[in-house]
């Protein structure tokens, strides 16, 4: 990666994450209380609310998917890994709509999620150079952080969700192709079906089945737009046994058929372009 830049991060993208590598900082978010993450903590802004990372002198933001920031100010030096990404709004899961403008994930939560923590450390590795794969890695960071953010209690003085809800959210996000049912998700959470269903809706704002469907269809849209995987193979790849059920769910989410969606996907040089 290029030498660390000193900037003020004023960002207007679709989703932004700041991971504190060393030190600590203050993130002032428009329309929300400021956050003060320290080393090992991650701040997720799911709708990229305008914000400033301070202390830091003025400087121009850029459009890089991944960037290292050094913050000048009193106290120990602070280094941030700043990640920005996006997602197709038509396929955005109810998780995004239910999140506050900014969410702070503690170090224990970040390090307890191997995929998220490993990807963050990869992006922050000394001497690493930026490349075309950064956009995909940035999206993976967002997708891994999303279920963790949904499990954070809100408001701050409200009841804490059952820890099993976080496990179920992680399963839906990363293991969506498995033959999940409400019963097996409740088992993953270590809860009874009735308690799980009620706690899940309270924490996330939607049902487990609806969130699972949204996650599967979002991945199907990515496969159709970005890869050459045969259309007939997509339903099984994302966890559908019935092609008819898959087509109905896809049309409900996107208002078009999978074939029409693939045909309309932006292309460059005859190859699908990643939609982010």
C-alpha atoms as a PDB file:
ATOM      1  CA  UNK A   1       0.000   0.000   0.000  1.00  0.00           C
ATOM      2  CA  UNK A   2       1.195   3.526  -0.582  1.00  0.00           C
ATOM      3  CA  UNK A   3       2.656   5.482   2.361  1.00  0.00           C
ATOM      4  CA  UNK A   4       0.095   6.433   4.962  1.00  0.00           C
ATOM      5  CA  UNK A   5      -1.699   9.690   4.167  1.00  0.00           C
ATOM      6  CA  UNK A   6      -2.845  12.255   6.716  1.00  0.00           C
ATOM      7  CA  UNK A   7      -6.367  13.362   5.860  1.00  0.00           C
ATOM      8  CA  UNK A   8      -9.707  14.354   7.245  1.00  0.00           C
ATOM      9  CA  UNK A   9     -12.222  11.716   6.207  1.00  0.00           C
ATOM     10  CA  UNK A  10     -15.425  13.402   5.053  1.00  0.00           C
ATOM     11  CA  UNK A  11     -17.118  10.617   3.192  1.00  0.00           C
ATOM     12  CA  UNK A  12     -20.266  10.366   1.078  1.00  0.00           C
ATOM     13  CA  UNK A  13     -20.324   6.802  -0.229  1.00  0.00           C
ATOM     14  CA  UNK A  14     -22.811   4.016   0.379  1.00  0.00           C
ATOM     15  CA  UNK A  15     -21.154   2.318   3.332  1.00  0.00           C
ATOM     16  CA  UNK A  16     -18.015   3.125   5.298  1.00  0.00           C
ATOM     17  CA  UNK A  17     -16.028   1.283   7.955  1.00  0.00           C
ATOM     18  CA  UNK A  18     -13.138   2.568  10.087  1.00  0.00           C
ATOM     19  CA  UNK A  19     -10.915   0.028  11.856  1.00  0.00           C
ATOM     20  CA  UNK A  20      -8.494   1.384  14.476  1.00  0.00           C
ATOM     21  CA  UNK A  21      -5.069  -0.211  14.080  1.00  0.00           C
ATOM     22  CA  UNK A  22      -3.301   1.865  16.743  1.00  0.00           C
ATOM     23  CA  UNK A  23      -4.283   4.619  19.164  1.00  0.00           C
ATOM     24  CA  UNK A  24      -7.787   6.043  19.155  1.00  0.00           C
ATOM     25  CA  UNK A  25      -9.843   8.797  17.590  1.00  0.00           C
ATOM     26  CA  UNK A  26     -13.175  10.592  17.617  1.00  0.00           C
ATOM     27  CA  UNK A  27     -15.651  10.103  14.795  1.00  0.00           C
ATOM     28  CA  UNK A  28     -18.173  12.920  14.570  1.00  0.00           C
ATOM     29  CA  UNK A  29     -21.258  11.722  12.707  1.00  0.00           C
ATOM     30  CA  UNK A  30     -23.897  14.057  11.297  1.00  0.00           C
ATOM     31  CA  UNK A  31     -27.177  13.417  13.094  1.00  0.00           C
ATOM     32  CA  UNK A  32     -25.738  11.014  15.676  1.00  0.00           C
ATOM     33  CA  UNK A  33     -23.673  11.009  18.843  1.00  0.00           C
ATOM     34  CA  UNK A  34     -19.900  10.981  18.272  1.00  0.00           C
ATOM     35  CA  UNK A  35     -18.022   7.711  18.716  1.00  0.00           C
ATOM     36  CA  UNK A  36     -14.552   7.233  20.187  1.00  0.00           C
ATOM     37  CA  UNK A  37     -13.105   3.916  18.990  1.00  0.00           C
ATOM     38  CA  UNK A  38      -9.742   2.656  20.240  1.00  0.00           C
ATOM     39  CA  UNK A  39      -7.307   0.036  19.006  1.00  0.00           C
ATOM     40  CA  UNK A  40      -9.019  -3.085  17.701  1.00  0.00           C
ATOM     41  CA  UNK A  41     -12.475  -1.507  17.457  1.00  0.00           C
ATOM     42  CA  UNK A  42     -14.475  -1.024  14.275  1.00  0.00           C
ATOM     43  CA  UNK A  43     -17.012   1.658  13.392  1.00  0.00           C
ATOM     44  CA  UNK A  44     -19.615   0.824  10.743  1.00  0.00           C
ATOM     45  CA  UNK A  45     -21.625   3.539   8.987  1.00  0.00           C
ATOM     46  CA  UNK A  46     -24.075   1.387   6.992  1.00  0.00           C
ATOM     47  CA  UNK A  47     -25.495   4.247   4.935  1.00  0.00           C
ATOM     48  CA  UNK A  48     -22.275   6.278   4.835  1.00  0.00           C
ATOM     49  CA  UNK A  49     -23.613   9.148   6.926  1.00  0.00           C
ATOM     50  CA  UNK A  50     -21.402  12.197   6.498  1.00  0.00           C
ATOM     51  CA  UNK A  51     -18.757  12.271   9.188  1.00  0.00           C
ATOM     52  CA  UNK A  52     -15.327  13.491  10.205  1.00  0.00           C
ATOM     53  CA  UNK A  53     -12.512  11.535  11.745  1.00  0.00           C
ATOM     54  CA  UNK A  54     -10.632  13.776  14.192  1.00  0.00           C
ATOM     55  CA  UNK A  55      -8.105  14.954  15.140  1.00  0.00           C
ATOM     56  CA  UNK A  56      -6.644  15.492  11.684  1.00  0.00           C
ATOM     57  CA  UNK A  57      -5.786  18.472   9.496  1.00  0.00           C
ATOM     58  CA  UNK A  58      -7.869  19.268   6.433  1.00  0.00           C
ATOM     59  CA  UNK A  59      -7.264  17.194   3.353  1.00  0.00           C
ATOM     60  CA  UNK A  60      -9.071  15.855   0.297  1.00  0.00           C
ATOM     61  CA  UNK A  61     -10.901  12.542   0.482  1.00  0.00           C
ATOM     62  CA  UNK A  62     -10.471  10.094  -2.360  1.00  0.00           C
ATOM     63  CA  UNK A  63     -12.541   7.338  -3.943  1.00  0.00           C
ATOM     64  CA  UNK A  64     -10.287   4.433  -2.965  1.00  0.00           C
ATOM     65  CA  UNK A  65     -12.049   1.355  -1.636  1.00  0.00           C
ATOM     66  CA  UNK A  66      -9.340   0.860   0.994  1.00  0.00           C
ATOM     67  CA  UNK A  67      -7.085   3.490   2.541  1.00  0.00           C
ATOM     68  CA  UNK A  68      -4.766   3.869   5.506  1.00  0.00           C
ATOM     69  CA  UNK A  69      -5.135   7.069   7.518  1.00  0.00           C
ATOM     70  CA  UNK A  70      -2.740   8.601  10.047  1.00  0.00           C
ATOM     71  CA  UNK A  71      -4.339  11.096  12.423  1.00  0.00           C
ATOM     72  CA  UNK A  72      -2.201  13.915  13.791  1.00  0.00           C
ATOM     73  CA  UNK A  73      -3.124  15.355  17.148  1.00  0.00           C
ATOM     74  CA  UNK A  74      -2.433  15.236  20.882  1.00  0.00           C
ATOM     75  CA  UNK A  75      -1.761  11.871  22.424  1.00  0.00           C
ATOM     76  CA  UNK A  76      -0.374   8.664  20.903  1.00  0.00           C
ATOM     77  CA  UNK A  77      -0.312   8.339  17.093  1.00  0.00           C
ATOM     78  CA  UNK A  78      -3.470   6.900  15.567  1.00  0.00           C
ATOM     79  CA  UNK A  79      -3.689   4.763  12.452  1.00  0.00           C
ATOM     80  CA  UNK A  80      -6.962   3.805  10.779  1.00  0.00           C
ATOM     81  CA  UNK A  81      -7.892   1.410   8.033  1.00  0.00           C
ATOM     82  CA  UNK A  82     -10.703   3.185   6.168  1.00  0.00           C
ATOM     83  CA  UNK A  83     -12.904   0.990   3.995  1.00  0.00           C
ATOM     84  CA  UNK A  84     -15.707   2.185   1.756  1.00  0.00           C
ATOM     85  CA  UNK A  85     -17.995   0.036  -0.318  1.00  0.00           C
ATOM     86  CA  UNK A  86     -21.534  -0.148  -1.670  1.00  0.00           C
ATOM     87  CA  UNK A  87     -24.401  -2.503  -2.325  1.00  0.00           C
ATOM     88  CA  UNK A  88     -27.363  -2.768  -4.645  1.00  0.00           C
ATOM     89  CA  UNK A  89     -30.121  -0.848  -2.853  1.00  0.00           C
ATOM     90  CA  UNK A  90     -32.805  -3.109  -4.336  1.00  0.00           C
ATOM     91  CA  UNK A  91     -31.262  -6.072  -2.545  1.00  0.00           C
ATOM     92  CA  UNK A  92     -30.297  -4.330   0.690  1.00  0.00           C
ATOM     93  CA  UNK A  93     -31.359  -6.531   3.559  1.00  0.00           C
ATOM     94  CA  UNK A  94     -33.638  -5.284   6.338  1.00  0.00           C
ATOM     95  CA  UNK A  95     -30.517  -5.258   8.517  1.00  0.00           C
ATOM     96  CA  UNK A  96     -29.326  -2.041   6.891  1.00  0.00           C
ATOM     97  CA  UNK A  97     -32.644  -0.260   7.312  1.00  0.00           C
ATOM     98  CA  UNK A  98     -32.771  -1.170  10.985  1.00  0.00           C
ATOM     99  CA  UNK A  99     -29.286   0.057  11.897  1.00  0.00           C
ATOM    100  CA  UNK A 100     -28.441   3.445  13.407  1.00  0.00           C
ATOM    101  CA  UNK A 101     -26.259   5.881  11.459  1.00  0.00           C
ATOM    102  CA  UNK A 102     -23.093   4.601  13.147  1.00  0.00           C
ATOM    103  CA  UNK A 103     -22.322   1.439  15.121  1.00  0.00           C
ATOM    104  CA  UNK A 104     -19.261   0.756  17.263  1.00  0.00           C
ATOM    105  CA  UNK A 105     -18.094  -2.878  17.351  1.00  0.00           C
ATOM    106  CA  UNK A 106     -15.866  -3.657  20.323  1.00  0.00           C
ATOM    107  CA  UNK A 107     -12.551  -5.421  19.938  1.00  0.00           C
ATOM    108  CA  UNK A 108     -13.957  -8.660  21.341  1.00  0.00           C
ATOM    109  CA  UNK A 109     -16.672  -8.729  18.684  1.00  0.00           C
ATOM    110  CA  UNK A 110     -14.234  -7.993  15.864  1.00  0.00           C
ATOM    111  CA  UNK A 111     -11.624 -10.519  16.938  1.00  0.00           C
ATOM    112  CA  UNK A 112     -14.356 -13.072  17.608  1.00  0.00           C
ATOM    113  CA  UNK A 113     -15.320 -13.016  13.910  1.00  0.00           C
ATOM    114  CA  UNK A 114     -12.412 -14.745  12.098  1.00  0.00           C
ATOM    115  CA  UNK A 115     -13.489 -13.792   8.574  1.00  0.00           C
ATOM    116  CA  UNK A 116     -13.936 -10.121   9.445  1.00  0.00           C
ATOM    117  CA  UNK A 117     -10.802  -9.835  11.560  1.00  0.00           C
ATOM    118  CA  UNK A 118      -8.665 -11.758   9.072  1.00  0.00           C
ATOM    119  CA  UNK A 119      -9.763  -9.601   6.140  1.00  0.00           C
ATOM    120  CA  UNK A 120      -9.118  -6.402   8.070  1.00  0.00           C
ATOM    121  CA  UNK A 121      -5.619  -7.548   8.988  1.00  0.00           C
ATOM    122  CA  UNK A 122      -4.973  -8.554   5.377  1.00  0.00           C
ATOM    123  CA  UNK A 123      -5.972  -5.115   4.119  1.00  0.00           C
ATOM    124  CA  UNK A 124      -3.807  -3.442   6.758  1.00  0.00           C
ATOM    125  CA  UNK A 125      -0.728  -5.629   6.219  1.00  0.00           C
ATOM    126  CA  UNK A 126       2.524  -3.611   6.063  1.00  0.00           C
ATOM    127  CA  UNK A 127       3.769  -3.079   2.531  1.00  0.00           C
ATOM    128  CA  UNK A 128       0.541  -4.281   0.941  1.00  0.00           C
ATOM    129  CA  UNK A 129      -0.293  -2.557  -2.330  1.00  0.00           C
ATOM    130  CA  UNK A 130      -3.771  -1.563  -3.419  1.00  0.00           C
ATOM    131  CA  UNK A 131      -5.284  -3.457  -6.325  1.00  0.00           C
ATOM    132  CA  UNK A 132      -8.475  -4.218  -8.254  1.00  0.00           C
ATOM    133  CA  UNK A 133      -9.455  -6.846  -5.696  1.00  0.00           C
ATOM    134  CA  UNK A 134      -9.812  -4.232  -2.959  1.00  0.00           C
ATOM    135  CA  UNK A 135     -13.401  -3.453  -3.896  1.00  0.00           C
ATOM    136  CA  UNK A 136     -14.432  -7.067  -3.438  1.00  0.00           C
ATOM    137  CA  UNK A 137     -12.540  -7.304  -0.145  1.00  0.00           C
ATOM    138  CA  UNK A 138     -14.194  -4.084   1.028  1.00  0.00           C
ATOM    139  CA  UNK A 139     -17.611  -5.532   0.270  1.00  0.00           C
ATOM    140  CA  UNK A 140     -16.729  -8.708   2.169  1.00  0.00           C
ATOM    141  CA  UNK A 141     -15.725  -6.631   5.213  1.00  0.00           C
ATOM    142  CA  UNK A 142     -19.098  -4.868   5.123  1.00  0.00           C
ATOM    143  CA  UNK A 143     -21.018  -8.128   4.770  1.00  0.00           C
ATOM    144  CA  UNK A 144     -19.114  -9.701   7.672  1.00  0.00           C
ATOM    145  CA  UNK A 145     -19.612  -6.658   9.915  1.00  0.00           C
ATOM    146  CA  UNK A 146     -23.311  -6.246   9.166  1.00  0.00           C
ATOM    147  CA  UNK A 147     -24.688  -9.103  11.297  1.00  0.00           C
ATOM    148  CA  UNK A 148     -22.403  -8.132  14.169  1.00  0.00           C
ATOM    149  CA  UNK A 149     -23.701  -4.569  14.028  1.00  0.00           C
ATOM    150  CA  UNK A 150     -27.291  -5.790  14.068  1.00  0.00           C
ATOM    151  CA  UNK A 151     -26.619  -7.678  17.291  1.00  0.00           C
ATOM    152  CA  UNK A 152     -25.374  -4.577  19.143  1.00  0.00           C
ATOM    153  CA  UNK A 153     -27.989  -3.435  21.694  1.00  0.00           C
ATOM    154  CA  UNK A 154     -29.853  -0.250  20.835  1.00  0.00           C
ATOM    155  CA  UNK A 155     -30.714   2.101  22.288  1.00  0.00           C
ATOM    156  CA  UNK A 156     -27.675   2.037  24.598  1.00  0.00           C
ATOM    157  CA  UNK A 157     -29.774   1.578  27.715  1.00  0.00           C
ATOM    158  CA  UNK A 158     -32.081  -0.997  26.135  1.00  0.00           C
ATOM    159  CA  UNK A 159     -32.072  -4.757  26.730  1.00  0.00           C
ATOM    160  CA  UNK A 160     -29.121  -6.720  25.370  1.00  0.00           C
ATOM    161  CA  UNK A 161     -30.068  -9.241  22.649  1.00  0.00           C
ATOM    162  CA  UNK A 162     -29.483 -12.919  23.356  1.00  0.00           C
ATOM    163  CA  UNK A 163     -25.934 -13.773  22.190  1.00  0.00           C
ATOM    164  CA  UNK A 164     -27.417 -16.496  20.023  1.00  0.00           C
ATOM    165  CA  UNK A 165     -28.990 -13.883  17.755  1.00  0.00           C
ATOM    166  CA  UNK A 166     -25.519 -12.828  16.668  1.00  0.00           C
ATOM    167  CA  UNK A 167     -24.644 -16.436  15.849  1.00  0.00           C
ATOM    168  CA  UNK A 168     -27.796 -16.815  13.780  1.00  0.00           C
ATOM    169  CA  UNK A 169     -27.103 -13.576  11.912  1.00  0.00           C
ATOM    170  CA  UNK A 170     -23.571 -14.701  11.169  1.00  0.00           C
ATOM    171  CA  UNK A 171     -24.879 -18.025   9.869  1.00  0.00           C
ATOM    172  CA  UNK A 172     -27.365 -16.303   7.576  1.00  0.00           C
ATOM    173  CA  UNK A 173     -24.723 -13.924   6.264  1.00  0.00           C
ATOM    174  CA  UNK A 174     -21.917 -16.410   5.634  1.00  0.00           C
ATOM    175  CA  UNK A 175     -23.644 -19.812   5.340  1.00  0.00           C
ATOM    176  CA  UNK A 176     -26.791 -18.787   3.473  1.00  0.00           C
ATOM    177  CA  UNK A 177     -26.645 -21.792   1.109  1.00  0.00           C
ATOM    178  CA  UNK A 178     -27.201 -24.301   3.895  1.00  0.00           C
ATOM    179  CA  UNK A 179     -30.748 -25.715   4.242  1.00  0.00           C
ATOM    180  CA  UNK A 180     -31.735 -23.444   7.097  1.00  0.00           C
ATOM    181  CA  UNK A 181     -35.158 -23.473   8.706  1.00  0.00           C
ATOM    182  CA  UNK A 182     -36.388 -21.486  11.682  1.00  0.00           C
ATOM    183  CA  UNK A 183     -35.852 -24.620  13.773  1.00  0.00           C
ATOM    184  CA  UNK A 184     -32.217 -25.106  12.709  1.00  0.00           C
ATOM    185  CA  UNK A 185     -31.455 -21.404  13.083  1.00  0.00           C
ATOM    186  CA  UNK A 186     -32.930 -21.504  16.588  1.00  0.00           C
ATOM    187  CA  UNK A 187     -30.707 -24.493  17.310  1.00  0.00           C
ATOM    188  CA  UNK A 188     -27.698 -22.535  16.004  1.00  0.00           C
ATOM    189  CA  UNK A 189     -28.652 -19.756  18.418  1.00  0.00           C
ATOM    190  CA  UNK A 190     -29.122 -22.172  21.312  1.00  0.00           C
ATOM    191  CA  UNK A 191     -32.727 -21.085  21.832  1.00  0.00           C
ATOM    192  CA  UNK A 192     -36.217 -22.515  21.554  1.00  0.00           C
ATOM    193  CA  UNK A 193     -38.021 -21.766  18.312  1.00  0.00           C
ATOM    194  CA  UNK A 194     -40.560 -19.422  19.888  1.00  0.00           C
ATOM    195  CA  UNK A 195     -37.979 -17.526  21.955  1.00  0.00           C
ATOM    196  CA  UNK A 196     -35.648 -17.270  18.967  1.00  0.00           C
ATOM    197  CA  UNK A 197     -38.321 -15.961  16.613  1.00  0.00           C
ATOM    198  CA  UNK A 198     -39.424 -13.279  19.075  1.00  0.00           C
ATOM    199  CA  UNK A 199     -35.881 -12.232  20.014  1.00  0.00           C
ATOM    200  CA  UNK A 200     -34.765 -12.156  16.377  1.00  0.00           C
ATOM    201  CA  UNK A 201     -37.597  -9.887  15.305  1.00  0.00           C
ATOM    202  CA  UNK A 202     -36.991  -7.629  18.306  1.00  0.00           C
ATOM    203  CA  UNK A 203     -33.276  -7.295  17.514  1.00  0.00           C
ATOM    204  CA  UNK A 204     -33.383  -7.168  13.712  1.00  0.00           C
ATOM    205  CA  UNK A 205     -36.842  -5.868  12.860  1.00  0.00           C
ATOM    206  CA  UNK A 206     -37.791  -8.710  10.547  1.00  0.00           C
ATOM    207  CA  UNK A 207     -38.215 -12.478  10.567  1.00  0.00           C
ATOM    208  CA  UNK A 208     -35.376 -15.002  10.152  1.00  0.00           C
ATOM    209  CA  UNK A 209     -36.971 -16.365   6.972  1.00  0.00           C
ATOM    210  CA  UNK A 210     -37.241 -12.960   5.352  1.00  0.00           C
ATOM    211  CA  UNK A 211     -33.655 -12.056   6.167  1.00  0.00           C
ATOM    212  CA  UNK A 212     -32.400 -15.399   4.846  1.00  0.00           C
ATOM    213  CA  UNK A 213     -34.312 -14.895   1.599  1.00  0.00           C
ATOM    214  CA  UNK A 214     -32.880 -11.395   1.182  1.00  0.00           C
ATOM    215  CA  UNK A 215     -29.339 -12.672   1.731  1.00  0.00           C
ATOM    216  CA  UNK A 216     -29.741 -15.502  -0.765  1.00  0.00           C
ATOM    217  CA  UNK A 217     -31.231 -13.272  -3.427  1.00  0.00           C
ATOM    218  CA  UNK A 218     -28.513 -10.679  -2.926  1.00  0.00           C
ATOM    219  CA  UNK A 219     -25.871 -13.339  -3.562  1.00  0.00           C
ATOM    220  CA  UNK A 220     -27.804 -14.633  -6.571  1.00  0.00           C
ATOM    221  CA  UNK A 221     -27.840 -11.148  -8.071  1.00  0.00           C
ATOM    222  CA  UNK A 222     -24.087 -10.889  -7.565  1.00  0.00           C
ATOM    223  CA  UNK A 223     -23.494 -14.237  -9.266  1.00  0.00           C
ATOM    224  CA  UNK A 224     -25.686 -13.263 -12.205  1.00  0.00           C
ATOM    225  CA  UNK A 225     -24.040  -9.875 -12.661  1.00  0.00           C
ATOM    226  CA  UNK A 226     -20.415 -10.743 -11.953  1.00  0.00           C
ATOM    227  CA  UNK A 227     -19.813 -14.334 -12.980  1.00  0.00           C
ATOM    228  CA  UNK A 228     -20.347 -16.724 -15.834  1.00  0.00           C
ATOM    229  CA  UNK A 229     -22.006 -19.334 -13.618  1.00  0.00           C
ATOM    230  CA  UNK A 230     -24.844 -20.940 -15.626  1.00  0.00           C
ATOM    231  CA  UNK A 231     -28.158 -19.436 -14.635  1.00  0.00           C
ATOM    232  CA  UNK A 232     -29.543 -22.910 -13.974  1.00  0.00           C
ATOM    233  CA  UNK A 233     -26.878 -23.444 -11.296  1.00  0.00           C
ATOM    234  CA  UNK A 234     -27.561 -20.238  -9.380  1.00  0.00           C
ATOM    235  CA  UNK A 235     -30.586 -21.401  -7.310  1.00  0.00           C
ATOM    236  CA  UNK A 236     -28.735 -24.351  -5.780  1.00  0.00           C
ATOM    237  CA  UNK A 237     -25.613 -22.265  -5.219  1.00  0.00           C
ATOM    238  CA  UNK A 238     -27.549 -19.874  -2.967  1.00  0.00           C
ATOM    239  CA  UNK A 239     -29.581 -22.511  -1.135  1.00  0.00           C
ATOM    240  CA  UNK A 240     -32.736 -23.012  -3.205  1.00  0.00           C
ATOM    241  CA  UNK A 241     -33.943 -26.507  -4.010  1.00  0.00           C
ATOM    242  CA  UNK A 242     -36.822 -25.235  -6.124  1.00  0.00           C
ATOM    243  CA  UNK A 243     -36.079 -23.182  -9.244  1.00  0.00           C
ATOM    244  CA  UNK A 244     -39.664 -21.958  -9.238  1.00  0.00           C
ATOM    245  CA  UNK A 245     -39.339 -20.726  -5.674  1.00  0.00           C
ATOM    246  CA  UNK A 246     -36.066 -19.017  -6.556  1.00  0.00           C
ATOM    247  CA  UNK A 247     -37.560 -17.258  -9.588  1.00  0.00           C
ATOM    248  CA  UNK A 248     -40.529 -16.027  -7.561  1.00  0.00           C
ATOM    249  CA  UNK A 249     -38.288 -14.709  -4.784  1.00  0.00           C
ATOM    250  CA  UNK A 250     -35.946 -13.030  -7.261  1.00  0.00           C
ATOM    251  CA  UNK A 251     -38.783 -11.330  -9.128  1.00  0.00           C
ATOM    252  CA  UNK A 252     -40.262 -10.119  -5.840  1.00  0.00           C
ATOM    253  CA  UNK A 253     -36.927  -8.557  -4.846  1.00  0.00           C
ATOM    254  CA  UNK A 254     -35.886  -7.093  -8.195  1.00  0.00           C
ATOM    255  CA  UNK A 255     -39.069  -6.803 -10.237  1.00  0.00           C
ATOM    256  CA  UNK A 256     -37.498  -8.804 -13.060  1.00  0.00           C
ATOM    257  CA  UNK A 257     -36.462 -12.364 -13.875  1.00  0.00           C
ATOM    258  CA  UNK A 258     -32.939 -13.681 -13.245  1.00  0.00           C
ATOM    259  CA  UNK A 259     -32.356 -13.913 -17.000  1.00  0.00           C
ATOM    260  CA  UNK A 260     -33.455 -10.333 -17.594  1.00  0.00           C
ATOM    261  CA  UNK A 261     -31.314  -9.158 -14.693  1.00  0.00           C
ATOM    262  CA  UNK A 262     -28.207 -10.848 -16.110  1.00  0.00           C
ATOM    263  CA  UNK A 263     -28.862  -9.468 -19.586  1.00  0.00           C
ATOM    264  CA  UNK A 264     -29.169  -5.935 -18.214  1.00  0.00           C
ATOM    265  CA  UNK A 265     -26.072  -6.127 -15.980  1.00  0.00           C
ATOM    266  CA  UNK A 266     -23.426  -3.526 -16.930  1.00  0.00           C
ATOM    267  CA  UNK A 267     -20.651  -5.010 -19.040  1.00  0.00           C
ATOM    268  CA  UNK A 268     -17.181  -3.950 -19.949  1.00  0.00           C
ATOM    269  CA  UNK A 269     -15.228  -5.770 -22.619  1.00  0.00           C
ATOM    270  CA  UNK A 270     -17.905  -8.442 -22.852  1.00  0.00           C
ATOM    271  CA  UNK A 271     -17.519  -9.480 -19.210  1.00  0.00           C
ATOM    272  CA  UNK A 272     -19.865  -8.795 -16.287  1.00  0.00           C
ATOM    273  CA  UNK A 273     -18.841  -5.886 -14.097  1.00  0.00           C
ATOM    274  CA  UNK A 274     -19.061  -6.177 -10.329  1.00  0.00           C
ATOM    275  CA  UNK A 275     -22.043  -4.279  -8.935  1.00  0.00           C
ATOM    276  CA  UNK A 276     -21.173  -2.475  -5.710  1.00  0.00           C
END
